[in-house]
Amino acid sequence: MKVMLVNGSLHEKGCTYTALCEVEKALNANGIETEIFQLAGKGVNGCKGCWACKKLGKCVIDDAVNEFVEKAADFDGFVFGSPVYYASASGALVSFMDRVFYSGGKKLAYKPAAAVVSCRRAGASTTFDVINKYFTINNMLIVGSNYWNEVHGNFAEEVLKDEEGLQTMRILGNNMAWVLKCLQLGKEAGLAPERERKIMTNFIR
């Protein structure tokens, strides 16, 4: 079993990365393989709203999004991490997730996912909510911890002093491993979710 952890910060080894590493250590201790996918240096563009991905099966903008979606099929769970920017997720991560879920949402559906948030002081709860909404619209299982999945600190060194935050990350990793193992047992027993074709309506018809 494998989990992909996405670092939505443009600081490759900053606070968000430090939090994700704590989750990663717990996953590894449970026998789960991991990979950290860095957005730093990848110049992710925003969604064009062209819907071409529905025909092509990939985004027309060939960048880190297509790289991630191609890998996603081989992973069993996902953790998306972000710093807090103006009480929301980083612009890079929002652009990335918009396009990932439009062009490759099927490769993530019915798999467990978690949001991880890093902040200096406030805005963590709203950022946490923004990321989780991608999961709830894509038939994914949200994994939690013993508190909201957040750490505090202005620098990575300060995050390492946030004992409660680090514990929250460790428990998140343990819970993700547990959910993955339960799902694997379900698959072996022949269990699968009931699926329906999506009905699309709007407010004028």
N, C-alpha and C. Protein backbone atom coordinates (compact mmCIF):
# COMPACT_ATOMS: atom_id res chain seq x y z
N MET A 1 0.83 -1.20 0.00
CA MET A 1 0.00 0.00 0.00
C MET A 1 0.87 1.25 0.00
N LYS A 2 0.39 2.28 -0.71
CA LYS A 2 1.19 3.50 -0.87
C LYS A 2 0.35 4.75 -0.68
N VAL A 3 0.96 5.75 -0.06
CA VAL A 3 0.30 7.04 0.15
C VAL A 3 1.15 8.14 -0.45
N MET A 4 0.49 9.03 -1.20
CA MET A 4 1.16 10.21 -1.76
C MET A 4 0.85 11.41 -0.88
N LEU A 5 1.89 12.12 -0.46
CA LEU A 5 1.73 13.33 0.34
C LEU A 5 2.15 14.52 -0.52
N VAL A 6 1.24 15.46 -0.70
CA VAL A 6 1.49 16.62 -1.56
C VAL A 6 1.84 17.83 -0.71
N ASN A 7 3.01 18.39 -0.96
CA ASN A 7 3.43 19.61 -0.27
C ASN A 7 3.01 20.80 -1.12
N GLY A 8 1.90 21.45 -0.70
CA GLY A 8 1.37 22.58 -1.44
C GLY A 8 2.04 23.90 -1.13
N SER A 9 3.13 23.86 -0.38
CA SER A 9 3.90 25.07 -0.10
C SER A 9 4.98 25.24 -1.16
N LEU A 10 5.31 26.49 -1.46
CA LEU A 10 6.40 26.74 -2.39
C LEU A 10 7.75 26.77 -1.69
N HIS A 11 7.73 26.52 -0.36
CA HIS A 11 8.97 26.29 0.39
C HIS A 11 9.14 24.78 0.50
N GLU A 12 10.13 24.29 -0.19
CA GLU A 12 10.27 22.83 -0.34
C GLU A 12 10.41 22.11 1.00
N LYS A 13 11.11 22.73 1.94
CA LYS A 13 11.31 22.06 3.22
C LYS A 13 10.99 22.98 4.39
N GLY A 14 9.82 23.60 4.31
CA GLY A 14 9.39 24.52 5.35
C GLY A 14 8.45 23.86 6.35
N CYS A 15 7.50 24.63 6.85
CA CYS A 15 6.59 24.16 7.91
C CYS A 15 5.66 23.05 7.44
N THR A 16 5.08 23.21 6.25
CA THR A 16 4.16 22.20 5.73
C THR A 16 4.88 20.89 5.51
N TYR A 17 6.06 20.97 4.93
CA TYR A 17 6.88 19.76 4.72
C TYR A 17 7.19 19.07 6.04
N THR A 18 7.51 19.85 7.06
CA THR A 18 7.83 19.28 8.38
C THR A 18 6.64 18.51 8.93
N ALA A 19 5.43 19.06 8.77
CA ALA A 19 4.22 18.37 9.23
C ALA A 19 4.00 17.08 8.43
N LEU A 20 4.16 17.16 7.12
CA LEU A 20 3.97 15.98 6.28
C LEU A 20 4.97 14.88 6.62
N CYS A 21 6.18 15.27 6.95
CA CYS A 21 7.20 14.27 7.31
C CYS A 21 6.81 13.50 8.55
N GLU A 22 6.13 14.17 9.49
CA GLU A 22 5.69 13.49 10.71
C GLU A 22 4.60 12.47 10.38
N VAL A 23 3.71 12.82 9.47
CA VAL A 23 2.69 11.88 9.00
C VAL A 23 3.38 10.71 8.29
N GLU A 24 4.34 11.03 7.45
CA GLU A 24 5.06 10.02 6.68
C GLU A 24 5.75 9.01 7.59
N LYS A 25 6.37 9.49 8.66
CA LYS A 25 7.07 8.57 9.57
C LYS A 25 6.12 7.57 10.19
N ALA A 26 4.93 8.02 10.57
CA ALA A 26 3.93 7.11 11.15
C ALA A 26 3.45 6.10 10.11
N LEU A 27 3.25 6.55 8.88
CA LEU A 27 2.83 5.64 7.82
C LEU A 27 3.88 4.57 7.58
N ASN A 28 5.13 5.00 7.47
CA ASN A 28 6.23 4.06 7.24
C ASN A 28 6.36 3.05 8.36
N ALA A 29 6.14 3.50 9.61
CA ALA A 29 6.22 2.59 10.76
C ALA A 29 5.12 1.53 10.70
N ASN A 30 4.05 1.83 9.96
CA ASN A 30 2.95 0.88 9.78
C ASN A 30 3.08 0.06 8.50
N GLY A 31 4.24 0.15 7.87
CA GLY A 31 4.48 -0.65 6.67
C GLY A 31 3.89 -0.06 5.40
N ILE A 32 3.52 1.23 5.42
CA ILE A 32 2.95 1.89 4.24
C ILE A 32 4.04 2.65 3.49
N GLU A 33 4.16 2.41 2.19
CA GLU A 33 5.12 3.15 1.38
C GLU A 33 4.61 4.58 1.15
N THR A 34 5.53 5.52 1.01
CA THR A 34 5.14 6.92 0.83
C THR A 34 6.00 7.63 -0.21
N GLU A 35 5.44 8.70 -0.71
CA GLU A 35 6.20 9.62 -1.58
C GLU A 35 5.69 11.02 -1.33
N ILE A 36 6.60 11.98 -1.20
CA ILE A 36 6.20 13.38 -1.06
C ILE A 36 6.32 14.06 -2.42
N PHE A 37 5.20 14.61 -2.88
CA PHE A 37 5.14 15.28 -4.17
C PHE A 37 5.23 16.78 -3.93
N GLN A 38 6.30 17.39 -4.42
CA GLN A 38 6.56 18.81 -4.17
C GLN A 38 6.00 19.69 -5.28
N LEU A 39 5.27 20.74 -4.89
CA LEU A 39 4.82 21.71 -5.88
C LEU A 39 5.86 22.82 -6.10
N ALA A 40 6.78 22.95 -5.17
CA ALA A 40 7.81 23.98 -5.27
C ALA A 40 8.58 23.84 -6.58
N GLY A 41 8.70 24.96 -7.29
CA GLY A 41 9.49 24.97 -8.52
C GLY A 41 8.77 24.41 -9.73
N LYS A 42 7.49 24.04 -9.59
CA LYS A 42 6.80 23.41 -10.71
C LYS A 42 5.88 24.35 -11.47
N GLY A 43 5.68 25.56 -10.97
CA GLY A 43 4.92 26.56 -11.72
C GLY A 43 3.55 26.10 -12.18
N VAL A 44 2.71 25.67 -11.25
CA VAL A 44 1.39 25.17 -11.59
C VAL A 44 0.46 26.31 -12.02
N ASN A 45 -0.18 26.14 -13.17
CA ASN A 45 -1.12 27.13 -13.68
C ASN A 45 -2.54 26.85 -13.21
N GLY A 46 -3.39 27.87 -13.25
CA GLY A 46 -4.78 27.71 -12.88
C GLY A 46 -5.58 27.03 -13.97
N CYS A 47 -6.77 26.52 -13.60
CA CYS A 47 -7.65 25.84 -14.54
C CYS A 47 -8.20 26.84 -15.56
N LYS A 48 -8.26 26.43 -16.85
CA LYS A 48 -8.78 27.27 -17.92
C LYS A 48 -10.29 27.11 -18.08
N GLY A 49 -10.87 26.10 -17.43
CA GLY A 49 -12.31 25.86 -17.56
C GLY A 49 -12.73 25.44 -18.95
N CYS A 50 -11.85 24.77 -19.69
CA CYS A 50 -12.13 24.41 -21.09
C CYS A 50 -12.81 23.05 -21.22
N TRP A 51 -12.78 22.25 -20.16
CA TRP A 51 -13.38 20.91 -20.12
C TRP A 51 -12.74 19.92 -21.10
N ALA A 52 -11.63 20.29 -21.70
CA ALA A 52 -10.98 19.38 -22.64
C ALA A 52 -10.51 18.10 -21.95
N CYS A 53 -10.24 18.19 -20.64
CA CYS A 53 -9.76 17.01 -19.90
C CYS A 53 -10.79 15.89 -19.91
N LYS A 54 -12.08 16.22 -20.06
CA LYS A 54 -13.12 15.19 -20.08
C LYS A 54 -13.02 14.32 -21.32
N LYS A 55 -12.49 14.90 -22.39
CA LYS A 55 -12.30 14.13 -23.63
C LYS A 55 -10.91 13.50 -23.69
N LEU A 56 -9.91 14.25 -23.22
CA LEU A 56 -8.53 13.78 -23.34
C LEU A 56 -8.10 12.83 -22.23
N GLY A 57 -8.77 12.93 -21.08
CA GLY A 57 -8.37 12.12 -19.93
C GLY A 57 -7.17 12.71 -19.21
N LYS A 58 -6.77 13.91 -19.60
CA LYS A 58 -5.68 14.63 -18.94
C LYS A 58 -5.86 16.11 -19.21
N CYS A 59 -5.14 16.93 -18.46
CA CYS A 59 -5.24 18.37 -18.63
C CYS A 59 -4.48 18.83 -19.87
N VAL A 60 -5.02 19.86 -20.55
CA VAL A 60 -4.33 20.39 -21.74
C VAL A 60 -3.06 21.15 -21.37
N ILE A 61 -2.98 21.59 -20.10
CA ILE A 61 -1.75 22.24 -19.63
C ILE A 61 -0.84 21.14 -19.10
N ASP A 62 0.23 20.89 -19.77
CA ASP A 62 1.08 19.74 -19.42
C ASP A 62 2.13 20.15 -18.39
N ASP A 63 1.77 20.04 -17.12
CA ASP A 63 2.70 20.38 -16.04
C ASP A 63 2.59 19.37 -14.92
N ALA A 64 2.82 19.78 -13.70
CA ALA A 64 2.84 18.86 -12.56
C ALA A 64 1.51 18.15 -12.33
N VAL A 65 0.42 18.74 -12.79
CA VAL A 65 -0.90 18.11 -12.63
C VAL A 65 -0.95 16.78 -13.35
N ASN A 66 -0.55 16.76 -14.61
CA ASN A 66 -0.56 15.50 -15.37
C ASN A 66 0.42 14.49 -14.79
N GLU A 67 1.54 14.98 -14.31
CA GLU A 67 2.52 14.10 -13.66
C GLU A 67 1.90 13.42 -12.45
N PHE A 68 1.20 14.20 -11.63
CA PHE A 68 0.58 13.66 -10.43
C PHE A 68 -0.54 12.69 -10.76
N VAL A 69 -1.43 13.07 -11.67
CA VAL A 69 -2.58 12.23 -12.02
C VAL A 69 -2.12 10.88 -12.56
N GLU A 70 -1.06 10.91 -13.36
CA GLU A 70 -0.53 9.66 -13.90
C GLU A 70 -0.06 8.73 -12.77
N LYS A 71 0.53 9.30 -11.74
CA LYS A 71 1.01 8.51 -10.60
C LYS A 71 -0.14 8.05 -9.70
N ALA A 72 -1.18 8.87 -9.63
CA ALA A 72 -2.24 8.67 -8.63
C ALA A 72 -2.89 7.29 -8.70
N ALA A 73 -3.00 6.73 -9.88
CA ALA A 73 -3.64 5.43 -10.03
C ALA A 73 -2.93 4.35 -9.22
N ASP A 74 -1.64 4.52 -8.99
CA ASP A 74 -0.86 3.51 -8.28
C ASP A 74 -0.81 3.74 -6.78
N PHE A 75 -1.50 4.78 -6.29
CA PHE A 75 -1.49 5.09 -4.86
C PHE A 75 -2.85 4.80 -4.23
N ASP A 76 -2.80 4.41 -2.96
CA ASP A 76 -4.01 3.99 -2.25
C ASP A 76 -4.60 5.07 -1.36
N GLY A 77 -3.83 6.10 -1.06
CA GLY A 77 -4.31 7.18 -0.20
C GLY A 77 -3.52 8.44 -0.46
N PHE A 78 -4.06 9.58 0.00
CA PHE A 78 -3.45 10.87 -0.30
C PHE A 78 -3.54 11.81 0.89
N VAL A 79 -2.49 12.62 1.05
CA VAL A 79 -2.48 13.69 2.05
C VAL A 79 -2.08 14.97 1.32
N PHE A 80 -2.91 16.00 1.42
CA PHE A 80 -2.62 17.28 0.77
C PHE A 80 -2.33 18.31 1.86
N GLY A 81 -1.14 18.90 1.80
CA GLY A 81 -0.73 19.86 2.81
C GLY A 81 -0.60 21.26 2.25
N SER A 82 -0.92 22.25 3.09
CA SER A 82 -0.81 23.64 2.64
C SER A 82 -0.49 24.57 3.80
N PRO A 83 0.27 25.63 3.53
CA PRO A 83 0.37 26.72 4.50
C PRO A 83 -0.91 27.56 4.41
N VAL A 84 -1.13 28.40 5.39
CA VAL A 84 -2.29 29.30 5.39
C VAL A 84 -1.90 30.62 4.72
N TYR A 85 -2.63 30.97 3.66
CA TYR A 85 -2.47 32.28 3.00
C TYR A 85 -3.82 32.98 3.07
N TYR A 86 -3.91 34.05 3.84
CA TYR A 86 -5.15 34.81 3.96
C TYR A 86 -6.33 33.90 4.31
N ALA A 87 -6.14 33.06 5.32
CA ALA A 87 -7.17 32.15 5.83
C ALA A 87 -7.66 31.16 4.77
N SER A 88 -6.78 30.80 3.86
CA SER A 88 -7.11 29.81 2.84
C SER A 88 -5.85 29.05 2.44
N ALA A 89 -6.03 28.07 1.58
CA ALA A 89 -4.90 27.28 1.09
C ALA A 89 -4.05 28.11 0.13
N SER A 90 -2.84 27.69 -0.10
CA SER A 90 -1.96 28.40 -1.03
C SER A 90 -2.57 28.40 -2.43
N GLY A 91 -2.33 29.48 -3.16
CA GLY A 91 -2.85 29.56 -4.53
C GLY A 91 -2.34 28.42 -5.39
N ALA A 92 -1.09 28.02 -5.17
CA ALA A 92 -0.52 26.93 -5.96
C ALA A 92 -1.29 25.64 -5.73
N LEU A 93 -1.63 25.35 -4.44
CA LEU A 93 -2.33 24.11 -4.15
C LEU A 93 -3.77 24.15 -4.67
N VAL A 94 -4.44 25.29 -4.54
CA VAL A 94 -5.81 25.39 -5.04
C VAL A 94 -5.85 25.18 -6.55
N SER A 95 -4.94 25.82 -7.28
CA SER A 95 -4.87 25.63 -8.73
C SER A 95 -4.58 24.18 -9.07
N PHE A 96 -3.67 23.59 -8.33
CA PHE A 96 -3.29 22.19 -8.54
C PHE A 96 -4.48 21.27 -8.30
N MET A 97 -5.17 21.45 -7.17
CA MET A 97 -6.28 20.56 -6.83
C MET A 97 -7.47 20.76 -7.76
N ASP A 98 -7.75 22.00 -8.15
CA ASP A 98 -8.82 22.23 -9.14
C ASP A 98 -8.61 21.36 -10.36
N ARG A 99 -7.42 21.39 -10.89
CA ARG A 99 -7.15 20.69 -12.14
C ARG A 99 -6.99 19.19 -11.94
N VAL A 100 -6.41 18.78 -10.82
CA VAL A 100 -6.29 17.34 -10.53
C VAL A 100 -7.67 16.71 -10.44
N PHE A 101 -8.58 17.35 -9.70
CA PHE A 101 -9.89 16.74 -9.48
C PHE A 101 -10.78 16.83 -10.71
N TYR A 102 -10.60 17.84 -11.56
CA TYR A 102 -11.33 17.88 -12.83
C TYR A 102 -10.81 16.82 -13.80
N SER A 103 -9.50 16.76 -13.95
CA SER A 103 -8.94 15.89 -15.00
C SER A 103 -8.68 14.46 -14.55
N GLY A 104 -8.46 14.26 -13.23
CA GLY A 104 -8.08 12.91 -12.79
C GLY A 104 -8.78 12.45 -11.54
N GLY A 105 -9.93 13.05 -11.23
CA GLY A 105 -10.64 12.70 -10.00
C GLY A 105 -10.98 11.23 -9.88
N LYS A 106 -11.22 10.57 -11.02
CA LYS A 106 -11.58 9.15 -10.99
C LYS A 106 -10.45 8.29 -10.41
N LYS A 107 -9.22 8.75 -10.54
CA LYS A 107 -8.09 7.97 -10.02
C LYS A 107 -7.91 8.13 -8.52
N LEU A 108 -8.62 9.11 -7.94
CA LEU A 108 -8.56 9.33 -6.49
C LEU A 108 -9.83 8.87 -5.78
N ALA A 109 -10.91 8.71 -6.53
CA ALA A 109 -12.22 8.40 -5.94
C ALA A 109 -12.18 7.10 -5.14
N TYR A 110 -12.94 7.10 -4.04
CA TYR A 110 -13.10 5.94 -3.14
C TYR A 110 -11.81 5.57 -2.40
N LYS A 111 -10.86 6.48 -2.39
CA LYS A 111 -9.63 6.28 -1.64
C LYS A 111 -9.61 7.25 -0.45
N PRO A 112 -8.91 6.91 0.64
CA PRO A 112 -8.84 7.82 1.78
C PRO A 112 -7.93 9.01 1.51
N ALA A 113 -8.29 10.14 2.11
CA ALA A 113 -7.51 11.36 1.93
C ALA A 113 -7.54 12.17 3.21
N ALA A 114 -6.57 13.04 3.35
CA ALA A 114 -6.50 13.92 4.52
C ALA A 114 -5.89 15.24 4.13
N ALA A 115 -6.31 16.29 4.83
CA ALA A 115 -5.73 17.62 4.68
C ALA A 115 -4.82 17.89 5.86
N VAL A 116 -3.70 18.54 5.59
CA VAL A 116 -2.77 18.97 6.64
C VAL A 116 -2.50 20.46 6.43
N VAL A 117 -2.59 21.23 7.50
CA VAL A 117 -2.48 22.68 7.41
C VAL A 117 -1.40 23.19 8.35
N SER A 118 -0.61 24.14 7.85
CA SER A 118 0.43 24.77 8.66
C SER A 118 0.16 26.26 8.74
N CYS A 119 0.14 26.81 9.95
CA CYS A 119 -0.09 28.25 10.08
C CYS A 119 0.78 28.84 11.19
N ARG A 120 0.96 30.14 11.10
CA ARG A 120 1.70 30.83 12.14
C ARG A 120 0.82 31.01 13.37
N ARG A 121 -0.45 31.47 13.10
CA ARG A 121 -1.30 31.79 14.24
C ARG A 121 -2.76 31.39 14.02
N ALA A 122 -3.38 31.85 12.93
CA ALA A 122 -4.81 31.60 12.72
C ALA A 122 -5.08 31.29 11.25
N GLY A 123 -6.34 30.97 10.95
CA GLY A 123 -6.73 30.66 9.57
C GLY A 123 -6.68 29.19 9.23
N ALA A 124 -6.25 28.36 10.18
CA ALA A 124 -6.10 26.93 9.89
C ALA A 124 -7.43 26.25 9.61
N SER A 125 -8.47 26.59 10.38
CA SER A 125 -9.75 25.89 10.24
C SER A 125 -10.38 26.13 8.87
N THR A 126 -10.32 27.37 8.38
CA THR A 126 -10.91 27.65 7.07
C THR A 126 -10.10 27.00 5.95
N THR A 127 -8.79 26.97 6.11
CA THR A 127 -7.94 26.32 5.11
C THR A 127 -8.21 24.82 5.08
N PHE A 128 -8.35 24.23 6.26
CA PHE A 128 -8.68 22.81 6.40
C PHE A 128 -9.99 22.50 5.67
N ASP A 129 -10.96 23.38 5.83
CA ASP A 129 -12.26 23.21 5.20
C ASP A 129 -12.16 23.27 3.68
N VAL A 130 -11.37 24.22 3.17
CA VAL A 130 -11.20 24.38 1.72
C VAL A 130 -10.67 23.09 1.10
N ILE A 131 -9.65 22.51 1.70
CA ILE A 131 -9.04 21.30 1.13
C ILE A 131 -9.99 20.11 1.23
N ASN A 132 -10.66 19.96 2.37
CA ASN A 132 -11.54 18.81 2.56
C ASN A 132 -12.71 18.79 1.58
N LYS A 133 -13.12 19.94 1.09
CA LYS A 133 -14.25 19.98 0.16
C LYS A 133 -13.95 19.23 -1.14
N TYR A 134 -12.71 19.18 -1.55
CA TYR A 134 -12.36 18.42 -2.75
C TYR A 134 -12.65 16.93 -2.53
N PHE A 135 -12.38 16.45 -1.33
CA PHE A 135 -12.58 15.03 -1.04
C PHE A 135 -14.06 14.67 -0.98
N THR A 136 -14.86 15.54 -0.35
CA THR A 136 -16.26 15.20 -0.14
C THR A 136 -17.06 15.20 -1.45
N ILE A 137 -16.57 15.87 -2.47
CA ILE A 137 -17.27 15.91 -3.76
C ILE A 137 -16.77 14.81 -4.70
N ASN A 138 -15.82 14.02 -4.23
CA ASN A 138 -15.19 13.02 -5.10
C ASN A 138 -15.24 11.62 -4.50
N ASN A 139 -16.23 11.35 -3.66
CA ASN A 139 -16.41 10.00 -3.10
C ASN A 139 -15.17 9.49 -2.36
N MET A 140 -14.51 10.37 -1.62
CA MET A 140 -13.30 9.96 -0.90
C MET A 140 -13.60 9.88 0.60
N LEU A 141 -12.82 9.09 1.30
CA LEU A 141 -12.96 8.93 2.74
C LEU A 141 -11.99 9.87 3.43
N ILE A 142 -12.50 10.74 4.30
CA ILE A 142 -11.65 11.70 4.98
C ILE A 142 -11.11 11.09 6.28
N VAL A 143 -9.80 11.13 6.43
CA VAL A 143 -9.14 10.60 7.62
C VAL A 143 -8.80 11.75 8.57
N GLY A 144 -9.16 11.57 9.84
CA GLY A 144 -8.89 12.60 10.83
C GLY A 144 -7.90 12.15 11.88
N SER A 145 -7.76 12.96 12.91
CA SER A 145 -6.84 12.68 14.00
C SER A 145 -7.57 12.99 15.31
N ASN A 146 -6.81 13.29 16.36
CA ASN A 146 -7.45 13.63 17.64
C ASN A 146 -7.69 15.13 17.78
N TYR A 147 -7.38 15.87 16.71
CA TYR A 147 -7.64 17.31 16.62
C TYR A 147 -7.60 17.66 15.15
N TRP A 148 -7.98 18.88 14.78
CA TRP A 148 -7.84 19.26 13.39
C TRP A 148 -6.39 19.12 12.97
N ASN A 149 -6.19 18.67 11.73
CA ASN A 149 -4.84 18.34 11.24
C ASN A 149 -4.03 19.60 10.96
N GLU A 150 -3.53 20.22 12.02
CA GLU A 150 -2.78 21.47 11.85
C GLU A 150 -1.57 21.53 12.78
N VAL A 151 -0.57 22.25 12.31
CA VAL A 151 0.60 22.54 13.13
C VAL A 151 0.79 24.05 13.14
N HIS A 152 1.52 24.54 14.15
CA HIS A 152 1.75 25.97 14.28
C HIS A 152 3.25 26.28 14.33
N GLY A 153 3.61 27.38 13.69
CA GLY A 153 5.00 27.82 13.71
C GLY A 153 5.27 28.68 12.50
N ASN A 154 6.19 29.60 12.64
CA ASN A 154 6.55 30.48 11.53
C ASN A 154 7.69 29.90 10.70
N PHE A 155 8.43 28.99 11.32
CA PHE A 155 9.55 28.32 10.66
C PHE A 155 9.50 26.84 11.01
N ALA A 156 10.16 26.02 10.21
CA ALA A 156 10.16 24.57 10.44
C ALA A 156 10.66 24.24 11.85
N GLU A 157 11.62 24.99 12.32
CA GLU A 157 12.17 24.74 13.66
C GLU A 157 11.11 24.97 14.74
N GLU A 158 10.22 25.91 14.51
CA GLU A 158 9.15 26.17 15.47
C GLU A 158 8.08 25.08 15.42
N VAL A 159 7.81 24.57 14.23
CA VAL A 159 6.85 23.46 14.10
C VAL A 159 7.33 22.26 14.92
N LEU A 160 8.62 22.03 14.93
CA LEU A 160 9.18 20.91 15.68
C LEU A 160 9.00 21.06 17.19
N LYS A 161 8.65 22.27 17.63
CA LYS A 161 8.39 22.51 19.05
C LYS A 161 6.89 22.40 19.38
N ASP A 162 6.06 22.27 18.36
CA ASP A 162 4.61 22.16 18.56
C ASP A 162 4.27 20.70 18.87
N GLU A 163 4.39 20.32 20.13
CA GLU A 163 4.22 18.92 20.51
C GLU A 163 2.82 18.39 20.20
N GLU A 164 1.81 19.21 20.44
CA GLU A 164 0.44 18.76 20.16
C GLU A 164 0.23 18.59 18.66
N GLY A 165 0.74 19.54 17.89
CA GLY A 165 0.61 19.45 16.44
C GLY A 165 1.30 18.23 15.87
N LEU A 166 2.50 17.95 16.36
CA LEU A 166 3.24 16.78 15.88
C LEU A 166 2.52 15.48 16.25
N GLN A 167 1.95 15.46 17.46
CA GLN A 167 1.18 14.27 17.84
C GLN A 167 -0.04 14.09 16.93
N THR A 168 -0.70 15.20 16.60
CA THR A 168 -1.83 15.14 15.68
C THR A 168 -1.42 14.54 14.35
N MET A 169 -0.23 14.90 13.87
CA MET A 169 0.28 14.36 12.60
C MET A 169 0.56 12.86 12.72
N ARG A 170 1.16 12.46 13.83
CA ARG A 170 1.47 11.03 14.02
C ARG A 170 0.20 10.20 14.06
N ILE A 171 -0.79 10.69 14.81
CA ILE A 171 -2.06 9.95 14.90
C ILE A 171 -2.75 9.91 13.55
N LEU A 172 -2.65 11.00 12.80
CA LEU A 172 -3.20 11.00 11.44
C LEU A 172 -2.57 9.90 10.59
N GLY A 173 -1.25 9.79 10.66
CA GLY A 173 -0.56 8.75 9.90
C GLY A 173 -0.99 7.36 10.32
N ASN A 174 -1.12 7.16 11.64
CA ASN A 174 -1.57 5.86 12.14
C ASN A 174 -3.00 5.55 11.69
N ASN A 175 -3.86 6.57 11.74
CA ASN A 175 -5.25 6.38 11.33
C ASN A 175 -5.36 6.09 9.83
N MET A 176 -4.55 6.77 9.04
CA MET A 176 -4.55 6.53 7.60
C MET A 176 -4.13 5.08 7.31
N ALA A 177 -3.10 4.62 8.00
CA ALA A 177 -2.64 3.23 7.82
C ALA A 177 -3.75 2.25 8.19
N TRP A 178 -4.43 2.51 9.30
CA TRP A 178 -5.51 1.64 9.76
C TRP A 178 -6.65 1.58 8.74
N VAL A 179 -7.04 2.74 8.22
CA VAL A 179 -8.11 2.79 7.22
C VAL A 179 -7.71 2.02 5.96
N LEU A 180 -6.47 2.20 5.52
CA LEU A 180 -5.99 1.49 4.33
C LEU A 180 -6.04 -0.02 4.52
N LYS A 181 -5.64 -0.47 5.70
CA LYS A 181 -5.64 -1.91 5.96
C LYS A 181 -7.07 -2.46 6.04
N CYS A 182 -7.98 -1.68 6.61
CA CYS A 182 -9.39 -2.09 6.66
C CYS A 182 -9.98 -2.17 5.26
N LEU A 183 -9.66 -1.19 4.41
CA LEU A 183 -10.15 -1.20 3.04
C LEU A 183 -9.61 -2.39 2.26
N GLN A 184 -8.35 -2.72 2.51
CA GLN A 184 -7.75 -3.87 1.84
C GLN A 184 -8.45 -5.16 2.22
N LEU A 185 -8.79 -5.31 3.50
CA LEU A 185 -9.53 -6.49 3.94
C LEU A 185 -10.91 -6.54 3.29
N GLY A 186 -11.53 -5.38 3.15
CA GLY A 186 -12.83 -5.32 2.49
C GLY A 186 -12.75 -5.75 1.03
N LYS A 187 -11.71 -5.30 0.34
CA LYS A 187 -11.52 -5.69 -1.07
C LYS A 187 -11.32 -7.20 -1.18
N GLU A 188 -10.54 -7.74 -0.26
CA GLU A 188 -10.28 -9.18 -0.28
C GLU A 188 -11.56 -9.98 -0.02
N ALA A 189 -12.50 -9.38 0.70
CA ALA A 189 -13.78 -10.03 0.99
C ALA A 189 -14.82 -9.79 -0.11
N GLY A 190 -14.40 -9.05 -1.14
CA GLY A 190 -15.30 -8.79 -2.27
C GLY A 190 -16.24 -7.62 -2.08
N LEU A 191 -15.94 -6.76 -1.10
CA LEU A 191 -16.79 -5.61 -0.85
C LEU A 191 -16.39 -4.43 -1.73
N ALA A 192 -17.39 -3.72 -2.24
CA ALA A 192 -17.12 -2.54 -3.06
C ALA A 192 -18.29 -1.57 -2.91
N PRO A 193 -18.04 -0.27 -3.04
CA PRO A 193 -19.13 0.71 -2.89
C PRO A 193 -20.13 0.63 -4.04
N GLU A 194 -21.37 0.96 -3.76
CA GLU A 194 -22.38 1.07 -4.81
C GLU A 194 -22.13 2.37 -5.57
N ARG A 195 -22.20 2.30 -6.89
CA ARG A 195 -21.92 3.49 -7.69
C ARG A 195 -23.10 3.83 -8.58
N GLU A 196 -23.31 5.13 -8.78
CA GLU A 196 -24.35 5.62 -9.67
C GLU A 196 -23.76 6.62 -10.65
N ARG A 197 -24.33 6.65 -11.84
CA ARG A 197 -23.90 7.65 -12.82
C ARG A 197 -24.32 9.04 -12.32
N LYS A 198 -23.45 10.01 -12.45
CA LYS A 198 -23.69 11.36 -11.96
C LYS A 198 -24.85 12.03 -12.70
N ILE A 199 -25.79 12.60 -11.94
CA ILE A 199 -26.87 13.40 -12.51
C ILE A 199 -26.47 14.87 -12.40
N MET A 200 -26.46 15.55 -13.52
CA MET A 200 -26.06 16.96 -13.56
C MET A 200 -27.27 17.84 -13.83
N THR A 201 -27.58 18.74 -12.90
CA THR A 201 -28.65 19.71 -13.10
C THR A 201 -28.14 21.09 -12.73
N ASN A 202 -28.96 22.11 -13.00
CA ASN A 202 -28.66 23.44 -12.51
C ASN A 202 -29.96 24.09 -12.03
N PHE A 203 -29.94 25.34 -11.71
CA PHE A 203 -31.11 25.97 -11.09
C PHE A 203 -32.13 26.50 -12.07
N ILE A 204 -31.93 26.29 -13.37
CA ILE A 204 -32.91 26.79 -14.33
C ILE A 204 -33.55 25.66 -15.12
N ARG A 205 -33.22 24.42 -14.82
CA ARG A 205 -33.88 23.29 -15.50
C ARG A 205 -33.77 22.05 -14.63
